[in-house]
Each structure stands twice: as C-alpha cells, then as structure tokens.
Amino acid sequence: MQTLLKTTEERHPALEAYLLQAHPWDNPEVCAVPISAGAERWKQWIHDVVMEQR
C-alpha cells in the first residue's frame, strides 16, 4: 500500500519526523518528490491549507 501526502517544503521535516516516529515499522519508506511544475491555483491551495494547520 502507498499513501501520498502533500505538504510544503518548509513543513516536510516536521511531517517526516512524525511519520518516522509514529510508524510501526523500523524503517518505513518516507520520501519526498518535489513538484517542479503545476497549476498555480493548486499550488497556492496546498500552501494555504498547510499554513492553516500551523
């Protein structure tokens, strides 16, 4: 099973730390795939949603 989570580059370290701490496996696969291009409205939406959670 694969789960896709979206966040900002700024918030990635906190998300990764949480996932590694909370996951039951000793070495879960946690990786980042940067978005080099995308619809500006969508990228702004991701940013806005992530910043609301602070």
Protein backbone atom coordinates (compact mmCIF):
# COMPACT_ATOMS: atom_id res chain seq x y z
CA MET A 1 0.00 0.00 0.00
CA GLN A 2 1.18 3.51 -0.77
CA THR A 3 -0.02 6.74 0.79
CA LEU A 4 0.54 10.11 -0.82
CA LEU A 5 0.71 13.14 1.46
CA LYS A 6 1.16 16.69 0.23
CA THR A 7 2.84 19.47 2.15
CA THR A 8 5.18 22.38 1.59
CA GLU A 9 8.96 22.09 1.51
CA GLU A 10 9.06 24.11 4.72
CA ARG A 11 6.76 21.70 6.57
CA HIS A 12 8.27 18.46 5.20
CA PRO A 13 10.80 17.96 8.04
CA ALA A 14 8.07 18.01 10.68
CA LEU A 15 5.87 15.64 8.69
CA GLU A 16 8.75 13.24 8.08
CA ALA A 17 9.73 13.27 11.76
CA TYR A 18 6.16 12.49 12.77
CA LEU A 19 5.80 9.66 10.25
CA LEU A 20 9.08 8.04 11.29
CA GLN A 21 8.16 8.28 14.98
CA ALA A 22 4.56 7.06 14.59
CA HIS A 23 5.03 4.27 12.02
CA PRO A 24 5.18 0.74 13.43
CA TRP A 25 7.97 -0.35 11.07
CA ASP A 26 11.61 0.21 11.99
CA ASN A 27 12.46 1.62 8.57
CA PRO A 28 9.37 2.86 6.67
CA GLU A 29 9.82 4.33 3.22
CA VAL A 30 9.35 8.07 3.53
CA CYS A 31 10.45 10.08 0.52
CA ALA A 32 9.80 13.48 -0.98
CA VAL A 33 9.03 14.20 -4.60
CA PRO A 34 9.31 17.90 -5.37
CA ILE A 35 6.71 19.45 -7.63
CA SER A 36 8.63 21.38 -10.24
CA ALA A 37 5.54 22.50 -12.16
CA GLY A 38 1.82 22.58 -11.57
CA ALA A 39 -1.26 24.74 -11.71
CA GLU A 40 -0.63 27.89 -9.69
CA ARG A 41 -4.11 27.75 -8.11
CA TRP A 42 -3.46 24.19 -6.92
CA LYS A 43 -0.01 25.03 -5.53
CA GLN A 44 -1.47 28.04 -3.72
CA TRP A 45 -4.25 25.85 -2.30
CA ILE A 46 -1.71 23.37 -0.90
CA HIS A 47 0.25 26.23 0.66
CA ASP A 48 -2.88 27.80 2.18
CA VAL A 49 -4.18 24.53 3.63
CA VAL A 50 -0.82 23.61 5.14
CA MET A 51 -0.35 27.05 6.67
CA GLU A 52 -3.84 26.90 8.27
CA GLN A 53 -2.70 23.82 10.22
CA ARG A 54 0.13 25.66 11.97
